[in-house]
């Protein structure tokens, strides 16, 4: 997911450079190294700038025309896309999670393959969130999301034996503000 406007940051976070690569390039590479499954980037704000800067091909992205309606709307769009193509599951990654790794994504994919309907991450600060996996049985619920509402309620309402969490201690570290960006560049 890379559709947000990055209002607090003041520039498209998808194009922010860390260690010589944009956040979106790093996320794409990590996802590509984790699975051979199809990858799709959902773009909204600054889409044309991102497409041009990263030389993305049309088969690699979907434009979320109403991205301004919030993350829930973008997630619903991704679920509709996955459902339309008959995918068995949807792995949701955010481009601004600095410490995402192939190991984390592989663990999530493996747990989904072992029969868990939902897999999300548990962070060191006690919070939980993306990256997340949802099997196709959750596509209808995801498609109903709106506004800035993410999938937390869907996850918390899922049966305990249908979901699991992967430890991702640094998952809470992302880039939302200029201070976050400065901290990331100083690490």
C-alpha atoms as a PDB file:
ATOM      1  CA  UNK A   1       0.000   0.000   0.000  1.00  0.00           C
ATOM      2  CA  UNK A   2       1.413   3.355  -1.021  1.00  0.00           C
ATOM      3  CA  UNK A   3      -1.629   5.551  -1.596  1.00  0.00           C
ATOM      4  CA  UNK A   4      -1.523   8.066   1.266  1.00  0.00           C
ATOM      5  CA  UNK A   5      -0.782  11.764   0.952  1.00  0.00           C
ATOM      6  CA  UNK A   6       1.972  11.854   3.614  1.00  0.00           C
ATOM      7  CA  UNK A   7       0.504  15.109   4.960  1.00  0.00           C
ATOM      8  CA  UNK A   8       2.456  15.079   8.236  1.00  0.00           C
ATOM      9  CA  UNK A   9       5.707  14.359   6.416  1.00  0.00           C
ATOM     10  CA  UNK A  10       5.127  17.091   3.843  1.00  0.00           C
ATOM     11  CA  UNK A  11       6.433  15.067   0.883  1.00  0.00           C
ATOM     12  CA  UNK A  12       5.564  11.734  -0.753  1.00  0.00           C
ATOM     13  CA  UNK A  13       7.009   9.190   1.674  1.00  0.00           C
ATOM     14  CA  UNK A  14       7.006   6.605  -1.099  1.00  0.00           C
ATOM     15  CA  UNK A  15       9.910   8.501  -2.711  1.00  0.00           C
ATOM     16  CA  UNK A  16      11.887   9.300   0.443  1.00  0.00           C
ATOM     17  CA  UNK A  17      15.407   7.936   0.143  1.00  0.00           C
ATOM     18  CA  UNK A  18      16.897   5.795   2.920  1.00  0.00           C
ATOM     19  CA  UNK A  19      20.162   3.953   2.306  1.00  0.00           C
ATOM     20  CA  UNK A  20      20.154   4.925  -1.362  1.00  0.00           C
ATOM     21  CA  UNK A  21      16.679   3.591  -2.157  1.00  0.00           C
ATOM     22  CA  UNK A  22      13.193   4.990  -1.960  1.00  0.00           C
ATOM     23  CA  UNK A  23      10.910   3.501   0.680  1.00  0.00           C
ATOM     24  CA  UNK A  24       8.666   2.094  -2.029  1.00  0.00           C
ATOM     25  CA  UNK A  25      11.586   0.536  -3.929  1.00  0.00           C
ATOM     26  CA  UNK A  26      12.787  -1.115  -0.712  1.00  0.00           C
ATOM     27  CA  UNK A  27       9.295  -2.460   0.046  1.00  0.00           C
ATOM     28  CA  UNK A  28       8.900  -3.810  -3.501  1.00  0.00           C
ATOM     29  CA  UNK A  29      12.274  -5.541  -3.334  1.00  0.00           C
ATOM     30  CA  UNK A  30      11.516  -7.097   0.055  1.00  0.00           C
ATOM     31  CA  UNK A  31       8.128  -8.379  -1.113  1.00  0.00           C
ATOM     32  CA  UNK A  32       9.627  -9.733  -4.342  1.00  0.00           C
ATOM     33  CA  UNK A  33      12.329 -11.598  -2.442  1.00  0.00           C
ATOM     34  CA  UNK A  34       9.753 -13.095  -0.066  1.00  0.00           C
ATOM     35  CA  UNK A  35       7.334 -14.654  -2.502  1.00  0.00           C
ATOM     36  CA  UNK A  36       6.935 -15.461  -6.146  1.00  0.00           C
ATOM     37  CA  UNK A  37       3.252 -14.554  -5.995  1.00  0.00           C
ATOM     38  CA  UNK A  38       1.879 -11.595  -7.904  1.00  0.00           C
ATOM     39  CA  UNK A  39       2.650  -8.163  -6.510  1.00  0.00           C
ATOM     40  CA  UNK A  40       0.509  -5.102  -6.929  1.00  0.00           C
ATOM     41  CA  UNK A  41       1.193  -1.589  -5.714  1.00  0.00           C
ATOM     42  CA  UNK A  42      -1.838   0.518  -4.852  1.00  0.00           C
ATOM     43  CA  UNK A  43      -1.105   4.185  -5.505  1.00  0.00           C
ATOM     44  CA  UNK A  44      -3.119   7.321  -4.876  1.00  0.00           C
ATOM     45  CA  UNK A  45      -1.601  10.634  -3.823  1.00  0.00           C
ATOM     46  CA  UNK A  46       1.339  11.720  -5.999  1.00  0.00           C
ATOM     47  CA  UNK A  47       0.791   8.637  -8.172  1.00  0.00           C
ATOM     48  CA  UNK A  48       2.092  10.142 -11.400  1.00  0.00           C
ATOM     49  CA  UNK A  49       5.230  11.438  -9.686  1.00  0.00           C
ATOM     50  CA  UNK A  50       5.845   8.025  -8.115  1.00  0.00           C
ATOM     51  CA  UNK A  51       5.215   6.160 -11.378  1.00  0.00           C
ATOM     52  CA  UNK A  52       7.603   8.418 -13.278  1.00  0.00           C
ATOM     53  CA  UNK A  53      10.289   8.452 -10.601  1.00  0.00           C
ATOM     54  CA  UNK A  54      10.340   4.686 -10.125  1.00  0.00           C
ATOM     55  CA  UNK A  55       9.556   3.865 -13.765  1.00  0.00           C
ATOM     56  CA  UNK A  56       6.692   1.594 -12.743  1.00  0.00           C
ATOM     57  CA  UNK A  57       4.940  -0.384 -15.448  1.00  0.00           C
ATOM     58  CA  UNK A  58       1.109  -0.412 -15.619  1.00  0.00           C
ATOM     59  CA  UNK A  59       0.955  -4.128 -14.833  1.00  0.00           C
ATOM     60  CA  UNK A  60       2.654  -3.416 -11.466  1.00  0.00           C
ATOM     61  CA  UNK A  61       0.279  -0.869  -9.999  1.00  0.00           C
ATOM     62  CA  UNK A  62      -3.346   0.058  -9.542  1.00  0.00           C
ATOM     63  CA  UNK A  63      -4.508   3.625  -9.125  1.00  0.00           C
ATOM     64  CA  UNK A  64      -6.860   4.181  -6.213  1.00  0.00           C
ATOM     65  CA  UNK A  65      -8.880   7.078  -7.562  1.00  0.00           C
ATOM     66  CA  UNK A  66     -10.518   7.868  -4.236  1.00  0.00           C
ATOM     67  CA  UNK A  67      -7.384   7.403  -2.109  1.00  0.00           C
ATOM     68  CA  UNK A  68      -8.321  10.566  -0.219  1.00  0.00           C
ATOM     69  CA  UNK A  69     -11.169   8.610   1.410  1.00  0.00           C
ATOM     70  CA  UNK A  70      -8.583   6.890   3.610  1.00  0.00           C
ATOM     71  CA  UNK A  71      -6.605   3.732   4.182  1.00  0.00           C
ATOM     72  CA  UNK A  72      -9.763   1.663   4.638  1.00  0.00           C
ATOM     73  CA  UNK A  73     -10.874   2.593   1.145  1.00  0.00           C
ATOM     74  CA  UNK A  74      -7.473   1.649  -0.288  1.00  0.00           C
ATOM     75  CA  UNK A  75      -7.520  -1.685   1.555  1.00  0.00           C
ATOM     76  CA  UNK A  76     -11.058  -2.333   0.271  1.00  0.00           C
ATOM     77  CA  UNK A  77      -9.835  -1.615  -3.266  1.00  0.00           C
ATOM     78  CA  UNK A  78      -6.985  -4.121  -2.833  1.00  0.00           C
ATOM     79  CA  UNK A  79      -9.397  -6.786  -1.551  1.00  0.00           C
ATOM     80  CA  UNK A  80     -11.728  -6.199  -4.516  1.00  0.00           C
ATOM     81  CA  UNK A  81      -8.776  -6.545  -6.871  1.00  0.00           C
ATOM     82  CA  UNK A  82      -7.606  -9.782  -5.206  1.00  0.00           C
ATOM     83  CA  UNK A  83     -11.128 -11.197  -5.202  1.00  0.00           C
ATOM     84  CA  UNK A  84     -11.701 -10.296  -8.856  1.00  0.00           C
ATOM     85  CA  UNK A  85      -8.523 -12.151  -9.857  1.00  0.00           C
ATOM     86  CA  UNK A  86      -9.411 -15.185  -7.741  1.00  0.00           C
ATOM     87  CA  UNK A  87      -6.467 -14.889  -5.369  1.00  0.00           C
ATOM     88  CA  UNK A  88      -6.429 -17.215  -2.372  1.00  0.00           C
ATOM     89  CA  UNK A  89      -5.002 -14.541  -0.082  1.00  0.00           C
ATOM     90  CA  UNK A  90      -3.846 -10.952   0.273  1.00  0.00           C
ATOM     91  CA  UNK A  91      -0.586  -9.853   1.903  1.00  0.00           C
ATOM     92  CA  UNK A  92      -0.800  -6.200   2.921  1.00  0.00           C
ATOM     93  CA  UNK A  93       2.473  -4.326   3.322  1.00  0.00           C
ATOM     94  CA  UNK A  94       3.080  -0.647   3.957  1.00  0.00           C
ATOM     95  CA  UNK A  95       5.977   1.082   2.273  1.00  0.00           C
ATOM     96  CA  UNK A  96       7.017   3.107   5.331  1.00  0.00           C
ATOM     97  CA  UNK A  97       7.829   0.275   7.740  1.00  0.00           C
ATOM     98  CA  UNK A  98      11.604   0.574   7.818  1.00  0.00           C
ATOM     99  CA  UNK A  99      12.443  -2.778   9.333  1.00  0.00           C
ATOM    100  CA  UNK A 100      10.280  -5.043   7.221  1.00  0.00           C
ATOM    101  CA  UNK A 101      12.277  -8.016   6.006  1.00  0.00           C
ATOM    102  CA  UNK A 102      11.974 -11.060   3.814  1.00  0.00           C
ATOM    103  CA  UNK A 103      12.073 -13.153   6.998  1.00  0.00           C
ATOM    104  CA  UNK A 104       8.994 -11.406   8.445  1.00  0.00           C
ATOM    105  CA  UNK A 105       7.048 -11.674   5.188  1.00  0.00           C
ATOM    106  CA  UNK A 106       8.068 -15.314   4.710  1.00  0.00           C
ATOM    107  CA  UNK A 107       6.855 -16.152   8.227  1.00  0.00           C
ATOM    108  CA  UNK A 108       3.517 -14.485   7.498  1.00  0.00           C
ATOM    109  CA  UNK A 109       3.136 -16.293   4.180  1.00  0.00           C
ATOM    110  CA  UNK A 110       4.080 -19.628   5.777  1.00  0.00           C
ATOM    111  CA  UNK A 111       1.467 -19.200   8.525  1.00  0.00           C
ATOM    112  CA  UNK A 112      -1.158 -18.355   5.908  1.00  0.00           C
ATOM    113  CA  UNK A 113      -0.160 -21.466   3.967  1.00  0.00           C
ATOM    114  CA  UNK A 114      -0.550 -23.555   7.116  1.00  0.00           C
ATOM    115  CA  UNK A 115      -4.220 -22.639   7.343  1.00  0.00           C
ATOM    116  CA  UNK A 116      -4.436 -19.453   9.369  1.00  0.00           C
ATOM    117  CA  UNK A 117      -7.033 -17.130   7.851  1.00  0.00           C
ATOM    118  CA  UNK A 118      -5.427 -13.980   9.269  1.00  0.00           C
ATOM    119  CA  UNK A 119      -1.807 -13.359  10.177  1.00  0.00           C
ATOM    120  CA  UNK A 120      -0.627 -10.032  11.527  1.00  0.00           C
ATOM    121  CA  UNK A 121       2.371  -8.738  13.444  1.00  0.00           C
ATOM    122  CA  UNK A 122       2.980  -8.044  17.106  1.00  0.00           C
ATOM    123  CA  UNK A 123       5.325  -5.137  17.772  1.00  0.00           C
ATOM    124  CA  UNK A 124       7.671  -4.652  20.753  1.00  0.00           C
ATOM    125  CA  UNK A 125       5.553  -1.747  22.016  1.00  0.00           C
ATOM    126  CA  UNK A 126       2.570  -4.104  22.448  1.00  0.00           C
ATOM    127  CA  UNK A 127       0.659  -2.837  19.419  1.00  0.00           C
ATOM    128  CA  UNK A 128      -0.137  -5.022  16.451  1.00  0.00           C
ATOM    129  CA  UNK A 129      -0.642  -4.364  12.778  1.00  0.00           C
ATOM    130  CA  UNK A 130       0.795  -4.824   9.312  1.00  0.00           C
ATOM    131  CA  UNK A 131       2.152  -6.508   7.444  1.00  0.00           C
ATOM    132  CA  UNK A 132      -0.952  -8.700   7.466  1.00  0.00           C
ATOM    133  CA  UNK A 133      -2.241 -11.669   5.544  1.00  0.00           C
ATOM    134  CA  UNK A 134      -5.930 -12.322   4.914  1.00  0.00           C
ATOM    135  CA  UNK A 135      -7.198 -15.402   3.165  1.00  0.00           C
ATOM    136  CA  UNK A 136      -9.957 -15.086   0.597  1.00  0.00           C
ATOM    137  CA  UNK A 137     -12.704 -15.771   3.147  1.00  0.00           C
ATOM    138  CA  UNK A 138     -12.034 -12.274   4.546  1.00  0.00           C
ATOM    139  CA  UNK A 139     -12.181 -10.433   1.222  1.00  0.00           C
ATOM    140  CA  UNK A 140     -15.906  -9.579   1.605  1.00  0.00           C
ATOM    141  CA  UNK A 141     -15.299  -7.940   5.007  1.00  0.00           C
ATOM    142  CA  UNK A 142     -12.223  -6.087   3.757  1.00  0.00           C
ATOM    143  CA  UNK A 143     -14.208  -4.792   0.787  1.00  0.00           C
ATOM    144  CA  UNK A 144     -16.586  -3.038   3.190  1.00  0.00           C
ATOM    145  CA  UNK A 145     -13.863  -0.930   4.835  1.00  0.00           C
ATOM    146  CA  UNK A 146     -14.143   2.829   4.496  1.00  0.00           C
ATOM    147  CA  UNK A 147     -12.383   5.970   5.652  1.00  0.00           C
ATOM    148  CA  UNK A 148      -9.244   5.686   7.723  1.00  0.00           C
ATOM    149  CA  UNK A 149     -10.555   2.504   9.316  1.00  0.00           C
ATOM    150  CA  UNK A 150      -8.063  -0.279   8.839  1.00  0.00           C
ATOM    151  CA  UNK A 151      -8.618  -3.976   9.477  1.00  0.00           C
ATOM    152  CA  UNK A 152      -8.017  -4.006  13.265  1.00  0.00           C
ATOM    153  CA  UNK A 153     -11.669  -4.724  14.029  1.00  0.00           C
ATOM    154  CA  UNK A 154     -11.793  -7.530  11.465  1.00  0.00           C
ATOM    155  CA  UNK A 155      -8.677  -9.053  13.011  1.00  0.00           C
ATOM    156  CA  UNK A 156      -9.879  -8.740  16.602  1.00  0.00           C
ATOM    157  CA  UNK A 157     -13.277 -10.270  15.726  1.00  0.00           C
ATOM    158  CA  UNK A 158     -11.727 -13.299  14.007  1.00  0.00           C
ATOM    159  CA  UNK A 159     -11.846 -16.588  15.872  1.00  0.00           C
ATOM    160  CA  UNK A 160      -8.677 -17.148  17.887  1.00  0.00           C
ATOM    161  CA  UNK A 161      -7.930 -20.425  16.136  1.00  0.00           C
ATOM    162  CA  UNK A 162      -8.236 -18.711  12.734  1.00  0.00           C
ATOM    163  CA  UNK A 163      -5.533 -16.099  13.334  1.00  0.00           C
ATOM    164  CA  UNK A 164      -1.995 -15.854  14.555  1.00  0.00           C
ATOM    165  CA  UNK A 165       0.647 -13.215  15.108  1.00  0.00           C
ATOM    166  CA  UNK A 166       4.254 -13.054  14.022  1.00  0.00           C
ATOM    167  CA  UNK A 167       6.691 -11.169  16.219  1.00  0.00           C
ATOM    168  CA  UNK A 168       7.941  -8.067  14.444  1.00  0.00           C
ATOM    169  CA  UNK A 169       9.558  -6.101  17.291  1.00  0.00           C
ATOM    170  CA  UNK A 170      10.427  -3.037  15.203  1.00  0.00           C
ATOM    171  CA  UNK A 171       7.191  -2.987  13.200  1.00  0.00           C
ATOM    172  CA  UNK A 172       5.947   0.116  14.989  1.00  0.00           C
ATOM    173  CA  UNK A 173       8.802   2.171  13.554  1.00  0.00           C
ATOM    174  CA  UNK A 174       7.641   3.934  10.422  1.00  0.00           C
ATOM    175  CA  UNK A 175       7.960   7.308   8.761  1.00  0.00           C
ATOM    176  CA  UNK A 176       5.083   9.697   9.307  1.00  0.00           C
ATOM    177  CA  UNK A 177       6.781  12.956  10.300  1.00  0.00           C
ATOM    178  CA  UNK A 178       9.968  14.894   9.467  1.00  0.00           C
ATOM    179  CA  UNK A 179      11.298  13.813  12.878  1.00  0.00           C
ATOM    180  CA  UNK A 180      10.702  10.133  11.985  1.00  0.00           C
ATOM    181  CA  UNK A 181      12.610  10.658   8.751  1.00  0.00           C
ATOM    182  CA  UNK A 182      15.513  12.354  10.516  1.00  0.00           C
ATOM    183  CA  UNK A 183      15.682   9.514  13.072  1.00  0.00           C
ATOM    184  CA  UNK A 184      15.662   6.922  10.270  1.00  0.00           C
ATOM    185  CA  UNK A 185      18.464   8.651   8.397  1.00  0.00           C
ATOM    186  CA  UNK A 186      20.553   8.870  11.587  1.00  0.00           C
ATOM    187  CA  UNK A 187      20.318   5.146  12.357  1.00  0.00           C
END
